[in-house]
Amino acid sequence: MEIWINPACSKCRSALTLLDAEGAGYSVRRYLEDVPSQDEIRAVLGRLGLEPWDITRTQEAAAKELGLKDWPREEGARDRWIAALAEHPKLIQRPIITADDGSAVVGRTEEAVREALSRSRG
């Protein structure tokens, strides 16, 4: 299991606390420092079953500067969204937990973190 976190994020810290309490084995990726490539973002989106606009923090200053709310949310615009996430990782929703079964979740709730745990424990 891998978890993408921003240490300043309370949801990320809560997810780590729960994973630790459950004795889960995981690695941490501080995605603001170790920025995911466009291919890594595509892979995580595939595991999440989501589109890039589904994991974009549209209230961030960078999102407003880019005018993201006006970008089309369609297949033809997908690469543009992914490029924006790779260039501005602060826009990526967090935490993202990749489970051992090949899936992933956005772990913003205890239920989502537990879902990733159950998928990783088989």
PDB file of N, CA and C in Angstrom:
ATOM      1  N   MET A   1       0.835  -1.172   0.000  1.00  0.00           N
ATOM      2  CA  MET A   1       0.000   0.000   0.000  1.00  0.00           C
ATOM      3  C   MET A   1       0.886   1.244   0.000  1.00  0.00           C
ATOM      4  N   GLU A   2       0.450   2.241  -0.750  1.00  0.00           N
ATOM      5  CA  GLU A   2       1.150   3.521  -0.743  1.00  0.00           C
ATOM      6  C   GLU A   2       0.108   4.595  -0.485  1.00  0.00           C
ATOM      7  N   ILE A   3       0.493   5.622   0.268  1.00  0.00           N
ATOM      8  CA  ILE A   3      -0.409   6.732   0.523  1.00  0.00           C
ATOM      9  C   ILE A   3       0.277   8.022   0.104  1.00  0.00           C
ATOM     10  N   TRP A   4      -0.421   8.796  -0.737  1.00  0.00           N
ATOM     11  CA  TRP A   4       0.076  10.100  -1.170  1.00  0.00           C
ATOM     12  C   TRP A   4      -0.448  11.120  -0.178  1.00  0.00           C
ATOM     13  N   ILE A   5       0.463  11.837   0.474  1.00  0.00           N
ATOM     14  CA  ILE A   5       0.046  12.787   1.497  1.00  0.00           C
ATOM     15  C   ILE A   5       0.693  14.155   1.348  1.00  0.00           C
ATOM     16  N   ASN A   6       0.034  15.114   1.982  1.00  0.00           N
ATOM     17  CA  ASN A   6       0.592  16.427   2.282  1.00  0.00           C
ATOM     18  C   ASN A   6       0.594  16.462   3.813  1.00  0.00           C
ATOM     19  N   PRO A   7       1.762  16.502   4.455  1.00  0.00           N
ATOM     20  CA  PRO A   7       1.819  16.444   5.919  1.00  0.00           C
ATOM     21  C   PRO A   7       1.024  17.550   6.611  1.00  0.00           C
ATOM     22  N   ALA A   8       0.757  18.656   5.908  1.00  0.00           N
ATOM     23  CA  ALA A   8      -0.002  19.756   6.505  1.00  0.00           C
ATOM     24  C   ALA A   8      -1.507  19.486   6.495  1.00  0.00           C
ATOM     25  N   CYS A   9      -1.943  18.417   5.840  1.00  0.00           N
ATOM     26  CA  CYS A   9      -3.363  18.112   5.663  1.00  0.00           C
ATOM     27  C   CYS A   9      -3.892  17.264   6.819  1.00  0.00           C
ATOM     28  N   SER A  10      -4.944  17.736   7.478  1.00  0.00           N
ATOM     29  CA  SER A  10      -5.506  16.989   8.614  1.00  0.00           C
ATOM     30  C   SER A  10      -6.097  15.649   8.173  1.00  0.00           C
ATOM     31  N   LYS A  11      -6.689  15.578   6.989  1.00  0.00           N
ATOM     32  CA  LYS A  11      -7.251  14.306   6.492  1.00  0.00           C
ATOM     33  C   LYS A  11      -6.132  13.290   6.270  1.00  0.00           C
ATOM     34  N   CYS A  12      -4.980  13.758   5.800  1.00  0.00           N
ATOM     35  CA  CYS A  12      -3.825  12.871   5.598  1.00  0.00           C
ATOM     36  C   CYS A  12      -3.329  12.346   6.933  1.00  0.00           C
ATOM     37  N   ARG A  13      -3.213  13.232   7.908  1.00  0.00           N
ATOM     38  CA  ARG A  13      -2.742  12.810   9.231  1.00  0.00           C
ATOM     39  C   ARG A  13      -3.721  11.822   9.863  1.00  0.00           C
ATOM     40  N   SER A  14      -5.017  12.056   9.699  1.00  0.00           N
ATOM     41  CA  SER A  14      -6.024  11.122  10.223  1.00  0.00           C
ATOM     42  C   SER A  14      -5.903   9.755   9.567  1.00  0.00           C
ATOM     43  N   ALA A  15      -5.680   9.745   8.250  1.00  0.00           N
ATOM     44  CA  ALA A  15      -5.534   8.477   7.531  1.00  0.00           C
ATOM     45  C   ALA A  15      -4.308   7.723   8.037  1.00  0.00           C
ATOM     46  N   LEU A  16      -3.190   8.420   8.227  1.00  0.00           N
ATOM     47  CA  LEU A  16      -1.970   7.778   8.731  1.00  0.00           C
ATOM     48  C   LEU A  16      -2.186   7.227  10.138  1.00  0.00           C
ATOM     49  N   THR A  17      -2.881   7.973  10.974  1.00  0.00           N
ATOM     50  CA  THR A  17      -3.169   7.520  12.340  1.00  0.00           C
ATOM     51  C   THR A  17      -3.975   6.228  12.308  1.00  0.00           C
ATOM     52  N   LEU A  18      -4.973   6.170  11.439  1.00  0.00           N
ATOM     53  CA  LEU A  18      -5.805   4.966  11.332  1.00  0.00           C
ATOM     54  C   LEU A  18      -4.988   3.789  10.788  1.00  0.00           C
ATOM     55  N   LEU A  19      -4.183   4.023   9.756  1.00  0.00           N
ATOM     56  CA  LEU A  19      -3.352   2.945   9.205  1.00  0.00           C
ATOM     57  C   LEU A  19      -2.401   2.409  10.275  1.00  0.00           C
ATOM     58  N   ASP A  20      -1.803   3.318  11.057  1.00  0.00           N
ATOM     59  CA  ASP A  20      -0.891   2.898  12.121  1.00  0.00           C
ATOM     60  C   ASP A  20      -1.635   2.109  13.198  1.00  0.00           C
ATOM     61  N   ALA A  21      -2.827   2.576  13.563  1.00  0.00           N
ATOM     62  CA  ALA A  21      -3.618   1.899  14.596  1.00  0.00           C
ATOM     63  C   ALA A  21      -3.992   0.482  14.161  1.00  0.00           C
ATOM     64  N   GLU A  22      -4.159   0.300  12.848  1.00  0.00           N
ATOM     65  CA  GLU A  22      -4.528  -1.015  12.311  1.00  0.00           C
ATOM     66  C   GLU A  22      -3.296  -1.872  12.004  1.00  0.00           C
ATOM     67  N   GLY A  23      -2.112  -1.315  12.230  1.00  0.00           N
ATOM     68  CA  GLY A  23      -0.886  -2.072  11.978  1.00  0.00           C
ATOM     69  C   GLY A  23      -0.629  -2.327  10.504  1.00  0.00           C
ATOM     70  N   ALA A  24      -1.124  -1.440   9.652  1.00  0.00           N
ATOM     71  CA  ALA A  24      -0.985  -1.626   8.205  1.00  0.00           C
ATOM     72  C   ALA A  24       0.440  -1.343   7.754  1.00  0.00           C
ATOM     73  N   GLY A  25       0.877  -2.094   6.759  1.00  0.00           N
ATOM     74  CA  GLY A  25       2.162  -1.825   6.127  1.00  0.00           C
ATOM     75  C   GLY A  25       1.920  -0.904   4.943  1.00  0.00           C
ATOM     76  N   TYR A  26       2.634   0.201   4.896  1.00  0.00           N
ATOM     77  CA  TYR A  26       2.439   1.152   3.802  1.00  0.00           C
ATOM     78  C   TYR A  26       3.692   1.998   3.622  1.00  0.00           C
ATOM     79  N   SER A  27       3.780   2.614   2.457  1.00  0.00           N
ATOM     80  CA  SER A  27       4.845   3.592   2.227  1.00  0.00           C
ATOM     81  C   SER A  27       4.178   4.945   2.008  1.00  0.00           C
ATOM     82  N   VAL A  28       4.893   5.987   2.385  1.00  0.00           N
ATOM     83  CA  VAL A  28       4.379   7.351   2.271  1.00  0.00           C
ATOM     84  C   VAL A  28       5.045   8.048   1.103  1.00  0.00           C
ATOM     85  N   ARG A  29       4.240   8.722   0.327  1.00  0.00           N
ATOM     86  CA  ARG A  29       4.759   9.568  -0.746  1.00  0.00           C
ATOM     87  C   ARG A  29       4.287  10.995  -0.473  1.00  0.00           C
ATOM     88  N   ARG A  30       5.230  11.858  -0.214  1.00  0.00           N
ATOM     89  CA  ARG A  30       4.918  13.278  -0.037  1.00  0.00           C
ATOM     90  C   ARG A  30       4.855  13.868  -1.439  1.00  0.00           C
ATOM     91  N   TYR A  31       3.676  13.844  -2.018  1.00  0.00           N
ATOM     92  CA  TYR A  31       3.537  14.124  -3.438  1.00  0.00           C
ATOM     93  C   TYR A  31       3.814  15.581  -3.826  1.00  0.00           C
ATOM     94  N   LEU A  32       3.895  16.485  -2.848  1.00  0.00           N
ATOM     95  CA  LEU A  32       4.271  17.859  -3.189  1.00  0.00           C
ATOM     96  C   LEU A  32       5.782  17.964  -3.408  1.00  0.00           C
ATOM     97  N   GLU A  33       6.542  17.055  -2.771  1.00  0.00           N
ATOM     98  CA  GLU A  33       7.996  17.020  -2.933  1.00  0.00           C
ATOM     99  C   GLU A  33       8.405  16.004  -4.003  1.00  0.00           C
ATOM    100  N   ASP A  34       7.753  14.845  -3.988  1.00  0.00           N
ATOM    101  CA  ASP A  34       8.012  13.767  -4.950  1.00  0.00           C
ATOM    102  C   ASP A  34       6.830  13.763  -5.924  1.00  0.00           C
ATOM    103  N   VAL A  35       6.851  14.724  -6.827  1.00  0.00           N
ATOM    104  CA  VAL A  35       5.696  14.992  -7.686  1.00  0.00           C
ATOM    105  C   VAL A  35       5.466  13.846  -8.669  1.00  0.00           C
ATOM    106  N   PRO A  36       4.231  13.343  -8.714  1.00  0.00           N
ATOM    107  CA  PRO A  36       3.937  12.262  -9.666  1.00  0.00           C
ATOM    108  C   PRO A  36       3.980  12.760 -11.114  1.00  0.00           C
ATOM    109  N   SER A  37       4.459  11.885 -11.980  1.00  0.00           N
ATOM    110  CA  SER A  37       4.486  12.201 -13.410  1.00  0.00           C
ATOM    111  C   SER A  37       3.074  12.089 -13.981  1.00  0.00           C
ATOM    112  N   GLN A  38       2.920  12.561 -15.200  1.00  0.00           N
ATOM    113  CA  GLN A  38       1.618  12.425 -15.862  1.00  0.00           C
ATOM    114  C   GLN A  38       1.228  10.956 -15.967  1.00  0.00           C
ATOM    115  N   ASP A  39       2.196  10.086 -16.275  1.00  0.00           N
ATOM    116  CA  ASP A  39       1.886   8.655 -16.383  1.00  0.00           C
ATOM    117  C   ASP A  39       1.451   8.078 -15.030  1.00  0.00           C
ATOM    118  N   GLU A  40       2.108   8.516 -13.949  1.00  0.00           N
ATOM    119  CA  GLU A  40       1.712   8.039 -12.618  1.00  0.00           C
ATOM    120  C   GLU A  40       0.305   8.522 -12.267  1.00  0.00           C
ATOM    121  N   ILE A  41      -0.015   9.745 -12.637  1.00  0.00           N
ATOM    122  CA  ILE A  41      -1.364  10.262 -12.382  1.00  0.00           C
ATOM    123  C   ILE A  41      -2.380   9.466 -13.198  1.00  0.00           C
ATOM    124  N   ARG A  42      -2.069   9.172 -14.454  1.00  0.00           N
ATOM    125  CA  ARG A  42      -2.969   8.354 -15.282  1.00  0.00           C
ATOM    126  C   ARG A  42      -3.194   6.982 -14.639  1.00  0.00           C
ATOM    127  N   ALA A  43      -2.109   6.386 -14.138  1.00  0.00           N
ATOM    128  CA  ALA A  43      -2.215   5.059 -13.510  1.00  0.00           C
ATOM    129  C   ALA A  43      -3.092   5.108 -12.270  1.00  0.00           C
ATOM    130  N   VAL A  44      -2.907   6.124 -11.440  1.00  0.00           N
ATOM    131  CA  VAL A  44      -3.724   6.247 -10.226  1.00  0.00           C
ATOM    132  C   VAL A  44      -5.183   6.503 -10.588  1.00  0.00           C
ATOM    133  N   LEU A  45      -5.418   7.324 -11.595  1.00  0.00           N
ATOM    134  CA  LEU A  45      -6.804   7.559 -12.036  1.00  0.00           C
ATOM    135  C   LEU A  45      -7.448   6.250 -12.472  1.00  0.00           C
ATOM    136  N   GLY A  46      -6.685   5.419 -13.189  1.00  0.00           N
ATOM    137  CA  GLY A  46      -7.211   4.112 -13.602  1.00  0.00           C
ATOM    138  C   GLY A  46      -7.549   3.252 -12.403  1.00  0.00           C
ATOM    139  N   ARG A  47      -6.698   3.280 -11.390  1.00  0.00           N
ATOM    140  CA  ARG A  47      -6.941   2.491 -10.170  1.00  0.00           C
ATOM    141  C   ARG A  47      -8.130   3.037  -9.385  1.00  0.00           C
ATOM    142  N   LEU A  48      -8.291   4.361  -9.403  1.00  0.00           N
ATOM    143  CA  LEU A  48      -9.414   4.987  -8.703  1.00  0.00           C
ATOM    144  C   LEU A  48     -10.727   4.807  -9.464  1.00  0.00           C
ATOM    145  N   GLY A  49     -10.619   4.657 -10.788  1.00  0.00           N
ATOM    146  CA  GLY A  49     -11.829   4.630 -11.617  1.00  0.00           C
ATOM    147  C   GLY A  49     -12.436   6.021 -11.738  1.00  0.00           C
ATOM    148  N   LEU A  50     -11.574   7.052 -11.694  1.00  0.00           N
ATOM    149  CA  LEU A  50     -12.032   8.437 -11.741  1.00  0.00           C
ATOM    150  C   LEU A  50     -11.365   9.188 -12.886  1.00  0.00           C
ATOM    151  N   GLU A  51     -11.896  10.360 -13.164  1.00  0.00           N
ATOM    152  CA  GLU A  51     -11.322  11.259 -14.152  1.00  0.00           C
ATOM    153  C   GLU A  51     -10.481  12.312 -13.427  1.00  0.00           C
ATOM    154  N   PRO A  52      -9.562  12.978 -14.133  1.00  0.00           N
ATOM    155  CA  PRO A  52      -8.694  13.942 -13.445  1.00  0.00           C
ATOM    156  C   PRO A  52      -9.467  15.058 -12.748  1.00  0.00           C
ATOM    157  N   TRP A  53     -10.564  15.507 -13.338  1.00  0.00           N
ATOM    158  CA  TRP A  53     -11.345  16.581 -12.697  1.00  0.00           C
ATOM    159  C   TRP A  53     -12.016  16.100 -11.414  1.00  0.00           C
ATOM    160  N   ASP A  54     -12.163  14.782 -11.257  1.00  0.00           N
ATOM    161  CA  ASP A  54     -12.758  14.235 -10.032  1.00  0.00           C
ATOM    162  C   ASP A  54     -11.816  14.326  -8.840  1.00  0.00           C
ATOM    163  N   ILE A  55     -10.503  14.419  -9.100  1.00  0.00           N
ATOM    164  CA  ILE A  55      -9.532  14.471  -7.997  1.00  0.00           C
ATOM    165  C   ILE A  55      -8.825  15.825  -7.933  1.00  0.00           C
ATOM    166  N   THR A  56      -9.413  16.829  -8.577  1.00  0.00           N
ATOM    167  CA  THR A  56      -8.804  18.154  -8.599  1.00  0.00           C
ATOM    168  C   THR A  56      -9.415  19.038  -7.524  1.00  0.00           C
ATOM    169  N   ARG A  57      -8.547  19.676  -6.754  1.00  0.00           N
ATOM    170  CA  ARG A  57      -8.970  20.619  -5.720  1.00  0.00           C
ATOM    171  C   ARG A  57      -9.204  21.969  -6.400  1.00  0.00           C
ATOM    172  N   THR A  58     -10.441  22.201  -6.799  1.00  0.00           N
ATOM    173  CA  THR A  58     -10.762  23.368  -7.624  1.00  0.00           C
ATOM    174  C   THR A  58     -10.798  24.678  -6.846  1.00  0.00           C
ATOM    175  N   GLN A  59     -10.723  24.622  -5.515  1.00  0.00           N
ATOM    176  CA  GLN A  59     -10.727  25.853  -4.724  1.00  0.00           C
ATOM    177  C   GLN A  59      -9.315  26.391  -4.455  1.00  0.00           C
ATOM    178  N   GLU A  60      -8.293  25.638  -4.843  1.00  0.00           N
ATOM    179  CA  GLU A  60      -6.918  26.092  -4.642  1.00  0.00           C
ATOM    180  C   GLU A  60      -6.637  27.326  -5.510  1.00  0.00           C
ATOM    181  N   ALA A  61      -5.711  28.164  -5.047  1.00  0.00           N
ATOM    182  CA  ALA A  61      -5.358  29.378  -5.785  1.00  0.00           C
ATOM    183  C   ALA A  61      -4.912  29.057  -7.211  1.00  0.00           C
ATOM    184  N   ALA A  62      -4.099  28.009  -7.372  1.00  0.00           N
ATOM    185  CA  ALA A  62      -3.615  27.645  -8.714  1.00  0.00           C
ATOM    186  C   ALA A  62      -4.775  27.271  -9.632  1.00  0.00           C
ATOM    187  N   ALA A  63      -5.794  26.621  -9.089  1.00  0.00           N
ATOM    188  CA  ALA A  63      -6.955  26.243  -9.901  1.00  0.00           C
ATOM    189  C   ALA A  63      -7.680  27.489 -10.393  1.00  0.00           C
ATOM    190  N   LYS A  64      -7.793  28.460  -9.522  1.00  0.00           N
ATOM    191  CA  LYS A  64      -8.465  29.707  -9.905  1.00  0.00           C
ATOM    192  C   LYS A  64      -7.640  30.469 -10.932  1.00  0.00           C
ATOM    193  N   GLU A  65      -6.304  30.479 -10.743  1.00  0.00           N
ATOM    194  CA  GLU A  65      -5.422  31.158 -11.704  1.00  0.00           C
ATOM    195  C   GLU A  65      -5.519  30.515 -13.082  1.00  0.00           C
ATOM    196  N   LEU A  66      -5.624  29.181 -13.109  1.00  0.00           N
ATOM    197  CA  LEU A  66      -5.715  28.455 -14.381  1.00  0.00           C
ATOM    198  C   LEU A  66      -7.120  28.523 -14.989  1.00  0.00           C
ATOM    199  N   GLY A  67      -8.101  28.923 -14.192  1.00  0.00           N
ATOM    200  CA  GLY A  67      -9.484  28.949 -14.666  1.00  0.00           C
ATOM    201  C   GLY A  67     -10.067  27.557 -14.832  1.00  0.00           C
ATOM    202  N   LEU A  68      -9.650  26.623 -13.972  1.00  0.00           N
ATOM    203  CA  LEU A  68     -10.070  25.218 -14.111  1.00  0.00           C
ATOM    204  C   LEU A  68     -11.579  25.024 -14.136  1.00  0.00           C
ATOM    205  N   LYS A  69     -12.299  25.839 -13.387  1.00  0.00           N
ATOM    206  CA  LYS A  69     -13.752  25.616 -13.334  1.00  0.00           C
ATOM    207  C   LYS A  69     -14.406  25.765 -14.705  1.00  0.00           C
ATOM    208  N   ASP A  70     -13.713  26.462 -15.607  1.00  0.00           N
ATOM    209  CA  ASP A  70     -14.263  26.655 -16.945  1.00  0.00           C
ATOM    210  C   ASP A  70     -13.734  25.640 -17.966  1.00  0.00           C
ATOM    211  N   TRP A  71     -12.799  24.770 -17.537  1.00  0.00           N
ATOM    212  CA  TRP A  71     -12.260  23.777 -18.461  1.00  0.00           C
ATOM    213  C   TRP A  71     -13.309  22.707 -18.747  1.00  0.00           C
ATOM    214  N   PRO A  72     -13.360  22.219 -19.987  1.00  0.00           N
ATOM    215  CA  PRO A  72     -14.305  21.141 -20.283  1.00  0.00           C
ATOM    216  C   PRO A  72     -13.946  19.865 -19.524  1.00  0.00           C
ATOM    217  N   ARG A  73     -14.981  19.174 -19.085  1.00  0.00           N
ATOM    218  CA  ARG A  73     -14.796  17.903 -18.376  1.00  0.00           C
ATOM    219  C   ARG A  73     -15.216  16.788 -19.321  1.00  0.00           C
ATOM    220  N   GLU A  74     -14.322  16.516 -20.267  1.00  0.00           N
ATOM    221  CA  GLU A  74     -14.608  15.525 -21.301  1.00  0.00           C
ATOM    222  C   GLU A  74     -13.302  14.868 -21.728  1.00  0.00           C
ATOM    223  N   GLU A  75     -13.438  13.730 -22.395  1.00  0.00           N
ATOM    224  CA  GLU A  75     -12.282  12.925 -22.800  1.00  0.00           C
ATOM    225  C   GLU A  75     -11.213  13.748 -23.521  1.00  0.00           C
ATOM    226  N   GLY A  76     -11.625  14.633 -24.399  1.00  0.00           N
ATOM    227  CA  GLY A  76     -10.677  15.426 -25.177  1.00  0.00           C
ATOM    228  C   GLY A  76      -9.829  16.370 -24.339  1.00  0.00           C
ATOM    229  N   ALA A  77     -10.295  16.702 -23.147  1.00  0.00           N
ATOM    230  CA  ALA A  77      -9.572  17.628 -22.264  1.00  0.00           C
ATOM    231  C   ALA A  77      -8.778  16.895 -21.184  1.00  0.00           C
ATOM    232  N   ARG A  78      -8.888  15.581 -21.170  1.00  0.00           N
ATOM    233  CA  ARG A  78      -8.272  14.777 -20.104  1.00  0.00           C
ATOM    234  C   ARG A  78      -6.774  15.039 -19.951  1.00  0.00           C
ATOM    235  N   ASP A  79      -6.025  15.058 -21.060  1.00  0.00           N
ATOM    236  CA  ASP A  79      -4.576  15.266 -20.984  1.00  0.00           C
ATOM    237  C   ASP A  79      -4.228  16.649 -20.434  1.00  0.00           C
ATOM    238  N   ARG A  80      -5.037  17.634 -20.757  1.00  0.00           N
ATOM    239  CA  ARG A  80      -4.812  18.994 -20.243  1.00  0.00           C
ATOM    240  C   ARG A  80      -4.960  19.003 -18.714  1.00  0.00           C
ATOM    241  N   TRP A  81      -5.975  18.328 -18.203  1.00  0.00           N
ATOM    242  CA  TRP A  81      -6.192  18.237 -16.755  1.00  0.00           C
ATOM    243  C   TRP A  81      -5.027  17.504 -16.082  1.00  0.00           C
ATOM    244  N   ILE A  82      -4.611  16.395 -16.674  1.00  0.00           N
ATOM    245  CA  ILE A  82      -3.515  15.600 -16.099  1.00  0.00           C
ATOM    246  C   ILE A  82      -2.229  16.419 -16.085  1.00  0.00           C
ATOM    247  N   ALA A  83      -1.964  17.157 -17.146  1.00  0.00           N
ATOM    248  CA  ALA A  83      -0.771  18.013 -17.189  1.00  0.00           C
ATOM    249  C   ALA A  83      -0.825  19.065 -16.085  1.00  0.00           C
ATOM    250  N   ALA A  84      -2.004  19.632 -15.842  1.00  0.00           N
ATOM    251  CA  ALA A  84      -2.154  20.640 -14.783  1.00  0.00           C
ATOM    252  C   ALA A  84      -1.885  20.023 -13.409  1.00  0.00           C
ATOM    253  N   LEU A  85      -2.360  18.798 -13.183  1.00  0.00           N
ATOM    254  CA  LEU A  85      -2.127  18.126 -11.897  1.00  0.00           C
ATOM    255  C   LEU A  85      -0.638  17.837 -11.701  1.00  0.00           C
ATOM    256  N   ALA A  86       0.046  17.439 -12.766  1.00  0.00           N
ATOM    257  CA  ALA A  86       1.479  17.140 -12.671  1.00  0.00           C
ATOM    258  C   ALA A  86       2.286  18.425 -12.438  1.00  0.00           C
ATOM    259  N   GLU A  87       1.846  19.505 -13.062  1.00  0.00           N
ATOM    260  CA  GLU A  87       2.567  20.774 -12.918  1.00  0.00           C
ATOM    261  C   GLU A  87       2.255  21.470 -11.596  1.00  0.00           C
ATOM    262  N   HIS A  88       1.053  21.247 -11.088  1.00  0.00           N
ATOM    263  CA  HIS A  88       0.602  21.890  -9.841  1.00  0.00           C
ATOM    264  C   HIS A  88       0.076  20.801  -8.896  1.00  0.00           C
ATOM    265  N   PRO A  89       0.973  20.013  -8.281  1.00  0.00           N
ATOM    266  CA  PRO A  89       0.516  18.866  -7.479  1.00  0.00           C
ATOM    267  C   PRO A  89      -0.387  19.246  -6.301  1.00  0.00           C
ATOM    268  N   LYS A  90      -0.348  20.497  -5.889  1.00  0.00           N
ATOM    269  CA  LYS A  90      -1.220  20.936  -4.796  1.00  0.00           C
ATOM    270  C   LYS A  90      -2.696  20.781  -5.183  1.00  0.00           C
ATOM    271  N   LEU A  91      -2.948  20.684  -6.480  1.00  0.00           N
ATOM    272  CA  LEU A  91      -4.323  20.527  -6.969  1.00  0.00           C
ATOM    273  C   LEU A  91      -4.852  19.106  -6.782  1.00  0.00           C
ATOM    274  N   ILE A  92      -3.983  18.154  -6.479  1.00  0.00           N
ATOM    275  CA  ILE A  92      -4.407  16.752  -6.357  1.00  0.00           C
ATOM    276  C   ILE A  92      -5.089  16.530  -5.008  1.00  0.00           C
ATOM    277  N   GLN A  93      -6.286  15.980  -5.067  1.00  0.00           N
ATOM    278  CA  GLN A  93      -7.024  15.636  -3.858  1.00  0.00           C
ATOM    279  C   GLN A  93      -6.213  14.663  -3.019  1.00  0.00           C
ATOM    280  N   ARG A  94      -6.333  14.720  -1.735  1.00  0.00           N
ATOM    281  CA  ARG A  94      -5.518  13.899  -0.849  1.00  0.00           C
ATOM    282  C   ARG A  94      -6.315  13.429   0.339  1.00  0.00           C
ATOM    283  N   PRO A  95      -5.859  12.395   0.991  1.00  0.00           N
ATOM    284  CA  PRO A  95      -4.800  11.471   0.592  1.00  0.00           C
ATOM    285  C   PRO A  95      -5.326  10.451  -0.427  1.00  0.00           C
ATOM    286  N   ILE A  96      -4.445   9.960  -1.256  1.00  0.00           N
ATOM    287  CA  ILE A  96      -4.784   8.868  -2.172  1.00  0.00           C
ATOM    288  C   ILE A  96      -4.040   7.638  -1.675  1.00  0.00           C
ATOM    289  N   ILE A  97      -4.788   6.565  -1.487  1.00  0.00           N
ATOM    290  CA  ILE A  97      -4.213   5.315  -0.992  1.00  0.00           C
ATOM    291  C   ILE A  97      -4.352   4.260  -2.080  1.00  0.00           C
ATOM    292  N   THR A  98      -3.222   3.683  -2.480  1.00  0.00           N
ATOM    293  CA  THR A  98      -3.256   2.592  -3.457  1.00  0.00           C
ATOM    294  C   THR A  98      -3.236   1.279  -2.677  1.00  0.00           C
ATOM    295  N   ALA A  99      -4.215   0.453  -2.949  1.00  0.00           N
ATOM    296  CA  ALA A  99      -4.347  -0.827  -2.251  1.00  0.00           C
ATOM    297  C   ALA A  99      -3.614  -1.934  -2.997  1.00  0.00           C
ATOM    298  N   ASP A 100      -3.332  -2.998  -2.276  1.00  0.00           N
ATOM    299  CA  ASP A 100      -2.565  -4.104  -2.843  1.00  0.00           C
ATOM    300  C   ASP A 100      -3.305  -4.859  -3.947  1.00  0.00           C
ATOM    301  N   ASP A 101      -4.640  -4.719  -4.015  1.00  0.00           N
ATOM    302  CA  ASP A 101      -5.389  -5.437  -5.046  1.00  0.00           C
ATOM    303  C   ASP A 101      -5.408  -4.694  -6.387  1.00  0.00           C
ATOM    304  N   GLY A 102      -4.660  -3.565  -6.473  1.00  0.00           N
ATOM    305  CA  GLY A 102      -4.611  -2.811  -7.715  1.00  0.00           C
ATOM    306  C   GLY A 102      -5.584  -1.655  -7.764  1.00  0.00           C
ATOM    307  N   SER A 103      -6.435  -1.520  -6.747  1.00  0.00           N
ATOM    308  CA  SER A 103      -7.375  -0.405  -6.714  1.00  0.00           C
ATOM    309  C   SER A 103      -6.765   0.752  -5.930  1.00  0.00           C
ATOM    310  N   ALA A 104      -7.521   1.828  -5.806  1.00  0.00           N
ATOM    311  CA  ALA A 104      -7.091   2.980  -5.010  1.00  0.00           C
ATOM    312  C   ALA A 104      -8.329   3.695  -4.504  1.00  0.00           C
ATOM    313  N   VAL A 105      -8.154   4.473  -3.442  1.00  0.00           N
ATOM    314  CA  VAL A 105      -9.248   5.284  -2.906  1.00  0.00           C
ATOM    315  C   VAL A 105      -8.704   6.661  -2.539  1.00  0.00           C
ATOM    316  N   VAL A 106      -9.592   7.640  -2.553  1.00  0.00           N
ATOM    317  CA  VAL A 106      -9.277   8.940  -1.975  1.00  0.00           C
ATOM    318  C   VAL A 106      -9.704   8.809  -0.516  1.00  0.00           C
ATOM    319  N   GLY A 107      -8.729   8.777   0.376  1.00  0.00           N
ATOM    320  CA  GLY A 107      -8.981   8.437   1.776  1.00  0.00           C
ATOM    321  C   GLY A 107      -9.354   9.606   2.657  1.00  0.00           C
ATOM    322  N   ARG A 108     -10.384  10.348   2.275  1.00  0.00           N
ATOM    323  CA  ARG A 108     -10.773  11.521   3.051  1.00  0.00           C
ATOM    324  C   ARG A 108     -11.690  11.177   4.222  1.00  0.00           C
ATOM    325  N   THR A 109     -12.192   9.945   4.252  1.00  0.00           N
ATOM    326  CA  THR A 109     -13.042   9.515   5.365  1.00  0.00           C
ATOM    327  C   THR A 109     -12.463   8.244   5.975  1.00  0.00           C
ATOM    328  N   GLU A 110     -12.845   7.962   7.202  1.00  0.00           N
ATOM    329  CA  GLU A 110     -12.391   6.734   7.846  1.00  0.00           C
ATOM    330  C   GLU A 110     -12.867   5.521   7.049  1.00  0.00           C
ATOM    331  N   GLU A 111     -14.084   5.593   6.511  1.00  0.00           N
ATOM    332  CA  GLU A 111     -14.634   4.478   5.730  1.00  0.00           C
ATOM    333  C   GLU A 111     -13.766   4.194   4.500  1.00  0.00           C
ATOM    334  N   ALA A 112     -13.321   5.255   3.820  1.00  0.00           N
ATOM    335  CA  ALA A 112     -12.489   5.067   2.627  1.00  0.00           C
ATOM    336  C   ALA A 112     -11.144   4.447   2.986  1.00  0.00           C
ATOM    337  N   VAL A 113     -10.555   4.883   4.098  1.00  0.00           N
ATOM    338  CA  VAL A 113      -9.274   4.316   4.535  1.00  0.00           C
ATOM    339  C   VAL A 113      -9.465   2.841   4.881  1.00  0.00           C
ATOM    340  N   ARG A 114     -10.558   2.534   5.569  1.00  0.00           N
ATOM    341  CA  ARG A 114     -10.836   1.126   5.915  1.00  0.00           C
ATOM    342  C   ARG A 114     -11.078   0.282   4.659  1.00  0.00           C
ATOM    343  N   GLU A 115     -11.675   0.871   3.637  1.00  0.00           N
ATOM    344  CA  GLU A 115     -11.886   0.176   2.364  1.00  0.00           C
ATOM    345  C   GLU A 115     -10.531  -0.203   1.753  1.00  0.00           C
ATOM    346  N   ALA A 116      -9.585   0.737   1.744  1.00  0.00           N
ATOM    347  CA  ALA A 116      -8.244   0.443   1.217  1.00  0.00           C
ATOM    348  C   ALA A 116      -7.578  -0.649   2.035  1.00  0.00           C
ATOM    349  N   LEU A 117      -7.745  -0.592   3.359  1.00  0.00           N
ATOM    350  CA  LEU A 117      -7.182  -1.620   4.233  1.00  0.00           C
ATOM    351  C   LEU A 117      -7.739  -2.984   3.886  1.00  0.00           C
ATOM    352  N   SER A 118      -9.060  -3.059   3.724  1.00  0.00           N
ATOM    353  CA  SER A 118      -9.678  -4.368   3.443  1.00  0.00           C
ATOM    354  C   SER A 118      -9.226  -4.904   2.088  1.00  0.00           C
ATOM    355  N   ARG A 119      -9.015  -4.019   1.130  1.00  0.00           N
ATOM    356  CA  ARG A 119      -8.555  -4.442  -0.205  1.00  0.00           C
ATOM    357  C   ARG A 119      -7.100  -4.904  -0.164  1.00  0.00           C
ATOM    358  N   SER A 120      -6.354  -4.418   0.807  1.00  0.00           N
ATOM    359  CA  SER A 120      -4.948  -4.789   0.898  1.00  0.00           C
ATOM    360  C   SER A 120      -4.729  -6.031   1.740  1.00  0.00           C
ATOM    361  N   ARG A 121      -5.696  -6.357   2.556  1.00  0.00           N
ATOM    362  CA  ARG A 121      -5.562  -7.537   3.422  1.00  0.00           C
ATOM    363  C   ARG A 121      -6.182  -8.776   2.804  1.00  0.00           C
ATOM    364  N   GLY A 122      -6.946  -8.549   1.734  1.00  0.00           N
ATOM    365  CA  GLY A 122      -7.547  -9.687   1.039  1.00  0.00           C
ATOM    366  C   GLY A 122      -8.655 -10.216   1.787  1.00  0.00           C
TER     367      GLY A 122
END
